[in-house]
Amino acid sequence: MIDQFVNFVIRPPRAEYNPDQYLWEVDFTLAGRKYKRYDLELANRGGHTLQCSHYVPSPFPEDTLLPCVIYCHGNSGCRADANEAAVILLPSNITVFTLDFSGSGLSGGDYVSLGWHEKDDLKVVVSYLRNNKQISRIGLWGRSMGAVTSLLYGSEDPSIAGMVLDSSFSNLFDLMMELVDVYKIRLPKFTVKMALRYMRRVIKKKAKFDIMDLNCMQVAPKTFIPALFGHGTEDILIQSHHSDRIFKSYAGDKNIIKFEGDHNSARPQFYYDSVSIFFYNVLQPPKVSSSHSSKLEKYYDLGDLKIGAGMDESLLYEIVSHLRNGASSSSSPPCISNAKPVDESQLAPVTSGVSLLDQDSSTNNLERNIDDASSNLQETSNSHNEECCSYSSSNRQSWGRCSSLGGSDEEPSSADCTTKGSNKHQMTLKALATPLRRLQGKPSGLPKEMKKKVATVKKPKREKFEALSQRLRLYLLKRVNHHRRHGSL
């Protein structure tokens, strides 16, 4: 029995996998952009080889520094667990670095230490990225043992920009006492404590660390890195009160998210959206440049909508960017089928652009018609809820450990949805772009005849706004056409 508990701590089941099968391909496409996986080996302080992978855009943008998030896996995990992080962060111009900690996966070493020696492995990775002249800020994303590793290292390196800590334990000794009750080991408390003292000596001899030193409550009060905590409410392995205790004593900027699920269950979509927004704010990645895509409409999935010669592309980029940010900040339920990609707040950039046409009595009338258009758009989007997903979210309904993303073949393309109205969309976008370019040279007032026309907006004009709103909704539909094999450890 004691040997089982010792192995539970320092020798859990080890992930054995084929990188070509369980990792993203060396060259792959995601959200219309190309990326590359670089595999490398690093040596830790104990002389063990660490197997690592770095996901970056292909080609890497010239004269531009990109931030990086290091994904830290759990005690039975491996670097394949970072597949989900790559899907979420790469489209935001955030590179992803992942590794097999010593004693895990394909790296060297015989034992794991639940964060104690892993923080030294993490230090080696951070040092490598610091020497990479193409990397700017660095963030940490850890789950279970990886969360403890991130917290222990973050207390020593305040230069880390932000941390996501998923299902961390507060104190290893308290956790082991709780597991006695979870596994219904009916022994007197003093007997359990004596057994833990014996385990402490065995672990210290084999794995070279003291289980009493693994106490996040000692480092949380002196750590000031912005942190996002997450924990499943049905987690019985590491109960959610562990994150509550760390969160309460944590000294830096912090937020915590509770969600349904246990320790190893797939995380809900709204949690991944929150992680994406958190890293976007703390890492401040550069905006996606049009030089990384042959055409502007390729990245934003414009379908058959053509950009005319007189079209202000910067205006279109601003509109779509505002809509993307609005979708990423959605607090809708995690179910993808209930997601509403476009709402009234997301149409605010369009409202502000149109209201520049008239700053007097016509403003209220225009806003009233745009509100009508957005309400009609809500009715339209409700009928297509099962086909939509937010920008920063994957269209995969569940995440499996060491699994890969599979796209749906039944999603309609944006070109099929906009065949009839492309000409109207093009005319409307030109109308939006023209006033912004000429506003400085024109007085704020409008002729009386123009005011009368604006004040009596007719149904055809309303239909144009409805068509524009529907077209902007379709910008948010992202398809991942990358199909690959599934597997699990």
Protein backbone atom coordinates (compact mmCIF):
# COMPACT_ATOMS: atom_id res chain seq x y z
CA MET A 1 0.00 0.00 0.00
CA ILE A 2 2.77 2.44 0.91
CA ASP A 3 4.67 1.57 -2.27
CA GLN A 4 1.56 2.45 -4.27
CA PHE A 5 1.40 5.87 -2.67
CA VAL A 6 5.11 6.40 -3.30
CA ASN A 7 4.65 5.55 -6.98
CA PHE A 8 1.58 7.79 -7.10
CA VAL A 9 3.84 10.70 -6.18
CA ILE A 10 7.11 10.03 -7.98
CA ARG A 11 6.37 7.34 -10.60
CA PRO A 12 2.87 7.67 -12.08
CA PRO A 13 2.05 6.06 -15.44
CA ARG A 14 4.42 7.47 -18.04
CA ALA A 15 3.15 8.77 -21.36
CA GLU A 16 4.64 6.91 -24.30
CA TYR A 17 3.75 8.38 -27.67
CA ASN A 18 4.89 8.93 -31.23
CA PRO A 19 5.50 12.66 -31.86
CA ASP A 20 4.57 12.30 -35.54
CA GLN A 21 1.20 10.89 -34.52
CA TYR A 22 0.22 12.88 -31.42
CA LEU A 23 1.79 16.30 -32.05
CA TRP A 24 0.87 18.82 -34.70
CA GLU A 25 2.63 18.18 -37.98
CA VAL A 26 5.94 19.85 -38.75
CA ASP A 27 4.06 22.07 -41.20
CA PHE A 28 0.35 22.69 -40.69
CA THR A 29 -2.36 25.26 -41.39
CA LEU A 30 -4.63 26.80 -38.79
CA ALA A 31 -7.25 29.54 -39.30
CA GLY A 32 -5.93 30.24 -42.79
CA ARG A 33 -2.30 30.70 -41.71
CA LYS A 34 0.72 28.41 -41.90
CA TYR A 35 2.68 27.30 -38.87
CA LYS A 36 5.71 25.17 -38.17
CA ARG A 37 6.73 22.86 -35.34
CA TYR A 38 10.38 22.95 -34.33
CA ASP A 39 11.57 20.01 -32.22
CA LEU A 40 14.63 20.49 -30.04
CA GLU A 41 16.44 19.03 -27.06
CA LEU A 42 17.61 20.84 -23.94
CA ALA A 43 19.65 19.54 -21.01
CA ASN A 44 18.54 20.27 -17.46
CA ARG A 45 20.71 20.77 -14.40
CA GLY A 46 20.69 17.05 -13.62
CA GLY A 47 22.01 16.17 -17.09
CA HIS A 48 18.70 14.75 -18.35
CA THR A 49 17.58 15.48 -21.89
CA LEU A 50 14.32 17.40 -22.25
CA GLN A 51 12.31 16.79 -25.42
CA CYS A 52 10.74 20.09 -26.51
CA SER A 53 8.63 21.56 -29.33
CA HIS A 54 8.06 25.16 -30.37
CA TYR A 55 5.08 26.17 -32.53
CA VAL A 56 5.67 29.37 -34.53
CA PRO A 57 4.23 31.08 -37.64
CA SER A 58 5.70 30.05 -40.95
CA PRO A 59 7.48 32.10 -42.09
CA PHE A 60 8.36 33.91 -38.88
CA PRO A 61 7.58 37.63 -39.34
CA GLU A 62 10.65 39.73 -40.03
CA ASP A 63 11.64 42.52 -37.64
CA THR A 64 8.79 41.51 -35.29
CA LEU A 65 9.04 40.03 -31.82
CA LEU A 66 6.34 37.55 -30.81
CA PRO A 67 5.42 36.49 -27.27
CA CYS A 68 5.50 32.87 -26.15
CA VAL A 69 3.47 30.74 -23.74
CA ILE A 70 5.17 27.73 -22.17
CA TYR A 71 2.69 24.92 -21.56
CA CYS A 72 3.46 22.76 -18.49
CA HIS A 73 1.75 19.35 -18.41
CA GLY A 74 0.55 17.24 -15.47
CA ASN A 75 2.31 14.35 -13.73
CA SER A 76 1.16 11.71 -16.26
CA GLY A 77 1.11 14.07 -19.24
CA CYS A 78 3.46 15.06 -22.01
CA ARG A 79 4.00 17.85 -24.53
CA ALA A 80 1.13 16.54 -26.66
CA ASP A 81 -1.20 18.02 -24.04
CA ALA A 82 -0.28 21.44 -25.46
CA ASN A 83 -2.17 20.78 -28.71
CA GLU A 84 -5.13 22.68 -27.27
CA ALA A 85 -2.95 25.64 -26.33
CA ALA A 86 -1.60 25.83 -29.88
CA VAL A 87 -5.11 26.01 -31.33
CA ILE A 88 -6.14 28.77 -28.94
CA LEU A 89 -3.04 30.97 -28.95
CA LEU A 90 -1.40 30.70 -32.37
CA PRO A 91 -4.12 32.67 -34.23
CA SER A 92 -3.45 35.56 -31.83
CA ASN A 93 0.24 35.74 -32.84
CA ILE A 94 1.35 34.02 -29.62
CA THR A 95 3.86 31.21 -30.08
CA VAL A 96 3.59 28.06 -27.96
CA PHE A 97 6.50 26.16 -26.39
CA THR A 98 5.97 22.79 -24.75
CA LEU A 99 8.19 20.12 -23.25
CA ASP A 100 8.27 16.74 -21.55
CA PHE A 101 9.49 17.37 -18.01
CA SER A 102 12.26 15.12 -16.72
CA GLY A 103 10.78 11.76 -15.75
CA SER A 104 7.82 12.31 -18.09
CA GLY A 105 7.09 11.44 -21.70
CA LEU A 106 10.15 10.97 -23.88
CA SER A 107 12.53 13.02 -21.73
CA GLY A 108 15.24 11.51 -19.55
CA GLY A 109 14.87 10.83 -15.85
CA ASP A 110 13.22 8.16 -13.76
CA TYR A 111 11.01 10.13 -11.37
CA VAL A 112 8.75 13.15 -11.26
CA SER A 113 8.63 15.51 -8.29
CA LEU A 114 5.23 17.22 -8.70
CA GLY A 115 6.86 20.56 -9.40
CA TRP A 116 10.00 20.64 -7.29
CA HIS A 117 12.57 19.59 -9.91
CA GLU A 118 10.25 20.55 -12.77
CA LYS A 119 10.70 24.23 -11.92
CA ASP A 120 14.40 23.78 -12.75
CA ASP A 121 13.43 22.30 -16.11
CA LEU A 122 11.21 25.31 -16.67
CA LYS A 123 14.09 27.61 -15.82
CA VAL A 124 16.15 26.01 -18.60
CA VAL A 125 13.34 26.61 -21.11
CA VAL A 126 12.87 30.24 -20.06
CA SER A 127 16.60 30.83 -20.39
CA TYR A 128 16.53 29.36 -23.89
CA LEU A 129 13.65 31.64 -24.91
CA ARG A 130 15.35 34.68 -23.38
CA ASN A 131 18.29 34.06 -25.66
CA ASN A 132 15.98 33.81 -28.66
CA LYS A 133 15.98 37.27 -30.19
CA GLN A 134 12.59 36.66 -31.83
CA ILE A 135 10.68 36.20 -28.56
CA SER A 136 9.37 39.11 -26.50
CA ARG A 137 7.25 38.39 -23.42
CA ILE A 138 6.83 34.98 -21.82
CA GLY A 139 3.75 33.48 -20.16
CA LEU A 140 3.14 30.19 -18.35
CA TRP A 141 0.17 27.84 -18.65
CA GLY A 142 0.21 24.92 -16.23
CA ARG A 143 -2.22 22.15 -15.38
CA SER A 144 -2.10 20.16 -12.15
CA MET A 145 1.61 19.46 -11.56
CA GLY A 146 2.37 22.00 -14.29
CA ALA A 147 0.40 24.65 -12.39
CA VAL A 148 2.44 24.01 -9.25
CA THR A 149 5.61 24.14 -11.34
CA SER A 150 4.58 27.49 -12.84
CA LEU A 151 3.74 28.97 -9.45
CA LEU A 152 6.99 27.81 -7.84
CA TYR A 153 9.03 29.20 -10.72
CA GLY A 154 6.99 32.41 -10.97
CA SER A 155 7.81 33.25 -7.36
CA GLU A 156 11.48 33.34 -8.38
CA ASP A 157 11.15 35.13 -11.74
CA PRO A 158 8.93 38.25 -11.67
CA SER A 159 9.70 38.92 -15.34
CA ILE A 160 7.03 36.38 -16.38
CA ALA A 161 4.16 38.33 -17.93
CA GLY A 162 1.27 36.14 -16.77
CA MET A 163 0.29 32.66 -15.59
CA VAL A 164 -2.71 30.39 -16.05
CA LEU A 165 -2.91 27.94 -13.15
CA ASP A 166 -5.32 25.06 -13.72
CA SER A 167 -6.06 22.68 -10.79
CA SER A 168 -3.09 23.41 -8.58
CA PHE A 169 -2.76 21.90 -5.12
CA SER A 170 -1.95 24.16 -2.19
CA ASN A 171 0.06 21.76 -0.04
CA LEU A 172 1.23 18.24 -0.95
CA PHE A 173 1.01 16.90 2.61
CA ASP A 174 -2.59 18.10 2.98
CA LEU A 175 -3.40 16.63 -0.43
CA MET A 176 -2.04 13.23 0.56
CA MET A 177 -4.09 13.26 3.75
CA GLU A 178 -7.19 14.03 1.70
CA LEU A 179 -6.48 11.21 -0.74
CA VAL A 180 -6.56 8.74 2.14
CA ASP A 181 -10.23 9.63 2.56
CA VAL A 182 -10.88 9.70 -1.19
CA TYR A 183 -9.56 6.16 -1.64
CA LYS A 184 -11.33 5.08 1.58
CA ILE A 185 -8.26 3.79 3.35
CA ARG A 186 -9.63 2.94 6.76
CA LEU A 187 -6.72 3.52 9.10
CA PRO A 188 -6.36 5.62 12.22
CA LYS A 189 -5.01 9.11 11.59
CA PHE A 190 -1.84 8.53 13.61
CA THR A 191 -1.14 5.42 11.49
CA VAL A 192 -1.55 7.44 8.30
CA LYS A 193 0.82 10.13 9.57
CA MET A 194 3.43 7.52 10.44
CA ALA A 195 3.08 6.05 6.95
CA LEU A 196 3.55 9.51 5.43
CA ARG A 197 6.72 10.03 7.43
CA TYR A 198 8.04 6.76 6.03
CA MET A 199 7.02 7.81 2.51
CA ARG A 200 8.81 11.10 3.04
CA ARG A 201 12.09 9.30 3.72
CA VAL A 202 11.65 6.95 0.74
CA ILE A 203 10.79 9.77 -1.67
CA LYS A 204 13.65 11.91 -0.42
CA LYS A 205 16.06 9.03 -1.02
CA LYS A 206 14.77 8.10 -4.49
CA ALA A 207 13.62 11.38 -6.04
CA LYS A 208 15.83 13.79 -4.07
CA PHE A 209 13.17 16.16 -2.75
CA ASP A 210 11.18 16.67 0.44
CA ILE A 211 7.41 16.43 0.11
CA MET A 212 7.03 18.97 2.95
CA ASP A 213 8.70 21.61 0.75
CA LEU A 214 5.92 21.43 -1.86
CA ASN A 215 3.77 24.13 -0.31
CA CYS A 216 2.29 26.74 -2.66
CA MET A 217 0.89 28.65 0.30
CA GLN A 218 4.42 29.74 1.14
CA VAL A 219 5.13 31.28 -2.28
CA ALA A 220 1.69 32.68 -3.19
CA PRO A 221 1.87 35.71 -0.84
CA LYS A 222 5.15 36.86 -2.42
CA THR A 223 4.24 36.31 -6.09
CA PHE A 224 2.99 39.36 -8.01
CA ILE A 225 2.64 38.01 -11.55
CA PRO A 226 -0.89 38.42 -13.02
CA ALA A 227 -2.59 35.04 -12.68
CA LEU A 228 -5.77 33.34 -13.87
CA PHE A 229 -6.84 30.38 -11.72
CA GLY A 230 -9.12 27.60 -12.94
CA HIS A 231 -10.59 24.54 -11.26
CA GLY A 232 -13.30 21.95 -11.87
CA THR A 233 -16.07 21.83 -9.30
CA GLU A 234 -16.28 18.00 -9.46
CA ASP A 235 -12.54 17.45 -9.04
CA ILE A 236 -12.06 14.86 -6.30
CA LEU A 237 -8.34 14.26 -6.90
CA ILE A 238 -7.35 17.86 -6.17
CA GLN A 239 -10.44 19.51 -4.72
CA SER A 240 -11.30 23.05 -5.72
CA HIS A 241 -10.67 24.49 -2.25
CA HIS A 242 -6.94 24.15 -3.00
CA SER A 243 -7.19 26.81 -5.70
CA ASP A 244 -9.41 28.88 -3.40
CA ARG A 245 -6.73 28.91 -0.73
CA ILE A 246 -3.96 29.87 -3.15
CA PHE A 247 -6.17 32.52 -4.74
CA LYS A 248 -6.99 34.08 -1.39
CA SER A 249 -3.33 34.43 -0.39
CA TYR A 250 -1.99 35.33 -3.87
CA ALA A 251 -0.41 38.79 -3.91
CA GLY A 252 -0.63 39.71 -7.60
CA ASP A 253 -3.50 40.60 -9.89
CA LYS A 254 -5.74 37.57 -9.98
CA ASN A 255 -8.98 36.05 -11.17
CA ILE A 256 -10.50 32.62 -10.71
CA ILE A 257 -12.88 30.59 -12.88
CA LYS A 258 -14.85 27.59 -11.67
CA PHE A 259 -16.37 25.21 -14.21
CA GLU A 260 -18.11 21.86 -14.31
CA GLY A 261 -15.81 18.87 -14.67
CA ASP A 262 -13.30 16.75 -12.79
CA HIS A 263 -9.52 16.76 -12.74
CA ASN A 264 -8.98 15.23 -16.18
CA SER A 265 -12.16 16.25 -17.99
CA ALA A 266 -12.21 18.49 -21.06
CA ARG A 267 -12.33 22.17 -20.18
CA PRO A 268 -15.39 24.15 -21.32
CA GLN A 269 -15.18 26.57 -24.19
CA PHE A 270 -15.74 29.73 -22.14
CA TYR A 271 -12.69 28.82 -20.05
CA TYR A 272 -10.51 28.63 -23.16
CA ASP A 273 -11.93 31.97 -24.30
CA SER A 274 -10.97 33.50 -20.95
CA VAL A 275 -7.46 32.07 -21.24
CA SER A 276 -7.10 33.51 -24.74
CA ILE A 277 -8.23 36.97 -23.59
CA PHE A 278 -5.96 36.84 -20.52
CA PHE A 279 -2.82 36.03 -22.50
CA TYR A 280 -3.73 38.58 -25.18
CA ASN A 281 -3.88 41.30 -22.51
CA VAL A 282 -0.71 40.40 -20.59
CA LEU A 283 1.48 39.42 -23.56
CA GLN A 284 0.28 42.16 -25.95
CA PRO A 285 1.08 40.32 -29.21
CA PRO A 286 1.36 42.37 -32.41
CA LYS A 287 -1.66 42.49 -34.68
CA VAL A 288 -1.76 40.09 -37.60
CA SER A 289 -0.12 41.87 -40.52
CA SER A 290 -1.47 41.62 -44.05
CA SER A 291 2.07 40.78 -45.17
CA HIS A 292 1.64 37.34 -43.59
CA SER A 293 -1.28 36.61 -45.88
CA SER A 294 -1.37 37.02 -49.63
CA LYS A 295 -4.81 38.63 -49.44
CA LEU A 296 -6.69 40.40 -46.68
CA GLU A 297 -9.79 38.33 -47.30
CA LYS A 298 -7.82 35.09 -46.86
CA TYR A 299 -7.32 35.60 -43.12
CA TYR A 300 -10.76 37.04 -42.45
CA ASP A 301 -12.59 34.56 -44.68
CA LEU A 302 -14.29 37.17 -46.88
CA GLY A 303 -15.44 34.54 -49.37
CA ASP A 304 -16.60 36.07 -52.66
CA LEU A 305 -16.72 39.63 -51.30
CA LYS A 306 -14.24 41.68 -53.31
CA ILE A 307 -12.37 44.73 -52.08
CA GLY A 308 -12.81 47.50 -54.63
CA ALA A 309 -10.03 49.81 -55.72
CA GLY A 310 -11.53 52.69 -53.75
CA MET A 311 -12.16 50.65 -50.64
CA ASP A 312 -10.45 51.70 -47.43
CA GLU A 313 -8.88 48.42 -46.28
CA SER A 314 -7.88 49.88 -42.91
CA LEU A 315 -11.54 50.55 -42.15
CA LEU A 316 -12.47 46.97 -42.99
CA TYR A 317 -9.60 45.69 -40.84
CA GLU A 318 -10.78 47.85 -37.93
CA ILE A 319 -14.38 46.65 -38.22
CA VAL A 320 -13.41 42.98 -38.29
CA SER A 321 -10.90 43.46 -35.46
CA HIS A 322 -13.56 45.02 -33.26
CA LEU A 323 -15.92 42.15 -34.04
CA ARG A 324 -13.21 39.60 -33.27
CA ASN A 325 -12.44 41.21 -29.92
CA GLY A 326 -16.14 41.32 -29.13
CA ALA A 327 -16.48 37.62 -29.84
CA SER A 328 -13.41 36.75 -27.78
CA SER A 329 -14.76 38.58 -24.74
CA SER A 330 -18.09 36.79 -24.83
CA SER A 331 -19.21 35.29 -21.56
CA SER A 332 -21.68 32.94 -23.15
CA PRO A 333 -22.06 29.36 -21.92
CA PRO A 334 -19.39 26.86 -22.96
CA CYS A 335 -21.60 24.97 -25.41
CA ILE A 336 -20.61 25.91 -28.94
CA SER A 337 -24.13 25.43 -30.21
CA ASN A 338 -25.30 28.26 -27.93
CA ALA A 339 -22.62 30.73 -28.97
CA LYS A 340 -23.77 34.03 -30.48
CA PRO A 341 -20.91 35.39 -32.52
CA VAL A 342 -22.47 38.79 -33.16
CA ASP A 343 -24.57 40.91 -30.84
CA GLU A 344 -25.45 44.59 -30.49
CA SER A 345 -22.18 45.44 -28.76
CA GLN A 346 -20.24 43.79 -31.60
CA LEU A 347 -22.04 46.00 -34.14
CA ALA A 348 -20.91 49.11 -32.28
CA PRO A 349 -18.00 49.82 -34.70
CA VAL A 350 -20.47 49.80 -37.60
CA THR A 351 -22.83 52.14 -35.75
CA SER A 352 -20.03 54.59 -35.01
CA GLY A 353 -18.88 54.51 -38.62
CA VAL A 354 -22.35 55.27 -40.00
CA SER A 355 -23.12 57.93 -37.42
CA LEU A 356 -20.29 60.03 -38.84
CA LEU A 357 -22.54 60.75 -41.81
CA ASP A 358 -24.75 62.96 -39.68
CA GLN A 359 -24.08 64.40 -36.23
CA ASP A 360 -27.40 66.26 -35.92
CA SER A 361 -31.01 65.11 -35.92
CA SER A 362 -30.41 62.11 -38.18
CA THR A 363 -28.23 60.28 -35.62
CA ASN A 364 -31.11 58.87 -33.61
CA ASN A 365 -32.91 57.64 -36.72
CA LEU A 366 -29.85 55.84 -38.03
CA GLU A 367 -29.17 54.19 -34.67
CA ARG A 368 -32.81 53.09 -34.45
CA ASN A 369 -32.57 51.38 -37.84
CA ILE A 370 -29.26 49.73 -36.96
CA ASP A 371 -30.83 48.42 -33.76
CA ASP A 372 -33.63 46.95 -35.88
CA ALA A 373 -31.02 45.37 -38.14
CA SER A 374 -29.15 43.87 -35.20
CA SER A 375 -32.39 42.44 -33.77
CA ASN A 376 -33.17 40.83 -37.12
CA LEU A 377 -29.63 39.50 -37.18
CA GLN A 378 -30.19 37.83 -33.79
CA GLU A 379 -33.18 35.96 -35.24
CA THR A 380 -31.07 34.88 -38.20
CA SER A 381 -28.15 33.76 -36.04
CA ASN A 382 -30.42 31.67 -33.81
CA SER A 383 -31.24 29.44 -36.76
CA HIS A 384 -27.53 28.89 -37.40
CA ASN A 385 -26.32 28.47 -33.83
CA GLU A 386 -25.03 24.96 -34.39
CA GLU A 387 -22.87 26.13 -37.29
CA CYS A 388 -21.14 29.01 -35.51
CA CYS A 389 -18.29 29.39 -33.07
CA SER A 390 -16.45 32.38 -31.64
CA TYR A 391 -13.22 33.58 -33.23
CA SER A 392 -10.87 32.58 -30.49
CA SER A 393 -12.45 29.19 -30.01
CA SER A 394 -11.82 25.89 -31.72
CA ASN A 395 -14.73 24.11 -33.42
CA ARG A 396 -13.87 20.97 -31.56
CA GLN A 397 -16.53 20.08 -28.99
CA SER A 398 -14.20 18.27 -26.61
CA TRP A 399 -10.49 18.17 -25.86
CA GLY A 400 -8.86 14.82 -25.26
CA ARG A 401 -5.51 14.24 -23.66
CA CYS A 402 -2.81 13.98 -26.30
CA SER A 403 -5.46 14.31 -28.98
CA SER A 404 -5.60 16.37 -32.15
CA LEU A 405 -8.06 18.73 -33.72
CA GLY A 406 -10.60 17.46 -36.20
CA GLY A 407 -12.66 19.85 -38.28
CA SER A 408 -16.22 19.36 -39.40
CA ASP A 409 -17.00 18.64 -43.01
CA GLU A 410 -20.58 19.81 -42.77
CA GLU A 411 -20.04 23.50 -42.09
CA PRO A 412 -21.29 25.81 -44.85
CA SER A 413 -18.71 28.00 -46.48
CA SER A 414 -19.06 31.77 -46.40
CA ALA A 415 -19.12 31.86 -50.19
CA ASP A 416 -22.31 29.74 -50.26
CA CYS A 417 -24.01 32.07 -47.83
CA THR A 418 -23.23 35.29 -49.67
CA THR A 419 -23.64 34.56 -53.37
CA LYS A 420 -26.74 36.71 -53.81
CA GLY A 421 -25.74 39.70 -51.71
CA SER A 422 -22.06 40.27 -52.48
CA ASN A 423 -22.67 43.30 -54.70
CA LYS A 424 -24.81 44.97 -52.06
CA HIS A 425 -22.16 44.27 -49.39
CA GLN A 426 -19.47 45.79 -51.56
CA MET A 427 -21.51 48.96 -52.14
CA THR A 428 -22.31 49.27 -48.45
CA LEU A 429 -18.69 48.87 -47.35
CA LYS A 430 -17.67 51.53 -49.87
CA ALA A 431 -20.28 53.84 -48.43
CA LEU A 432 -18.84 53.29 -44.98
CA ALA A 433 -15.28 53.91 -46.11
CA THR A 434 -15.92 57.10 -48.13
CA PRO A 435 -17.08 59.43 -45.32
CA LEU A 436 -14.09 58.55 -43.14
CA ARG A 437 -11.65 59.59 -45.86
CA ARG A 438 -13.44 62.81 -46.72
CA LEU A 439 -14.81 63.89 -43.35
CA GLN A 440 -11.97 66.29 -42.62
CA GLY A 441 -12.67 68.30 -45.75
CA LYS A 442 -16.45 68.54 -45.27
CA PRO A 443 -18.57 70.53 -42.79
CA SER A 444 -20.41 68.63 -40.10
CA GLY A 445 -23.85 69.73 -41.33
CA LEU A 446 -25.83 68.15 -44.20
CA PRO A 447 -28.17 69.77 -46.74
CA LYS A 448 -31.82 69.92 -45.80
CA GLU A 449 -32.78 67.48 -48.54
CA MET A 450 -30.21 64.98 -47.26
CA LYS A 451 -31.54 65.35 -43.72
CA LYS A 452 -35.05 64.60 -44.89
CA LYS A 453 -33.86 61.45 -46.62
CA VAL A 454 -31.97 60.29 -43.53
CA ALA A 455 -34.93 61.10 -41.30
CA THR A 456 -37.20 58.95 -43.42
CA VAL A 457 -35.11 55.85 -43.85
CA LYS A 458 -37.08 53.40 -45.97
CA LYS A 459 -37.15 49.65 -46.00
CA PRO A 460 -34.56 49.18 -48.83
CA LYS A 461 -31.98 51.10 -46.79
CA ARG A 462 -32.78 49.00 -43.75
CA GLU A 463 -32.21 45.87 -45.80
CA LYS A 464 -28.73 47.13 -46.68
CA PHE A 465 -27.84 47.37 -43.01
CA GLU A 466 -29.27 43.92 -42.41
CA ALA A 467 -27.17 42.54 -45.26
CA LEU A 468 -24.06 44.26 -43.89
CA SER A 469 -24.70 42.90 -40.40
CA GLN A 470 -25.14 39.40 -41.77
CA ARG A 471 -21.94 39.73 -43.81
CA LEU A 472 -19.95 40.87 -40.75
CA ARG A 473 -21.25 37.87 -38.83
CA LEU A 474 -19.84 35.61 -41.49
CA TYR A 475 -16.37 37.15 -41.00
CA LEU A 476 -16.26 35.42 -37.66
CA LEU A 477 -16.82 31.95 -39.06
CA LYS A 478 -13.46 30.25 -39.05
CA ARG A 479 -12.98 26.76 -40.43
CA VAL A 480 -10.13 24.56 -39.50
CA ASN A 481 -9.60 22.39 -42.54
CA HIS A 482 -6.92 20.40 -40.89
CA HIS A 483 -7.86 16.73 -40.47
CA ARG A 484 -5.62 14.39 -38.60
CA ARG A 485 -5.67 11.14 -36.74
CA HIS A 486 -7.01 10.92 -33.20
CA GLY A 487 -5.41 9.04 -30.36
CA SER A 488 -5.21 8.90 -26.64
CA LEU A 489 -2.63 7.80 -24.15
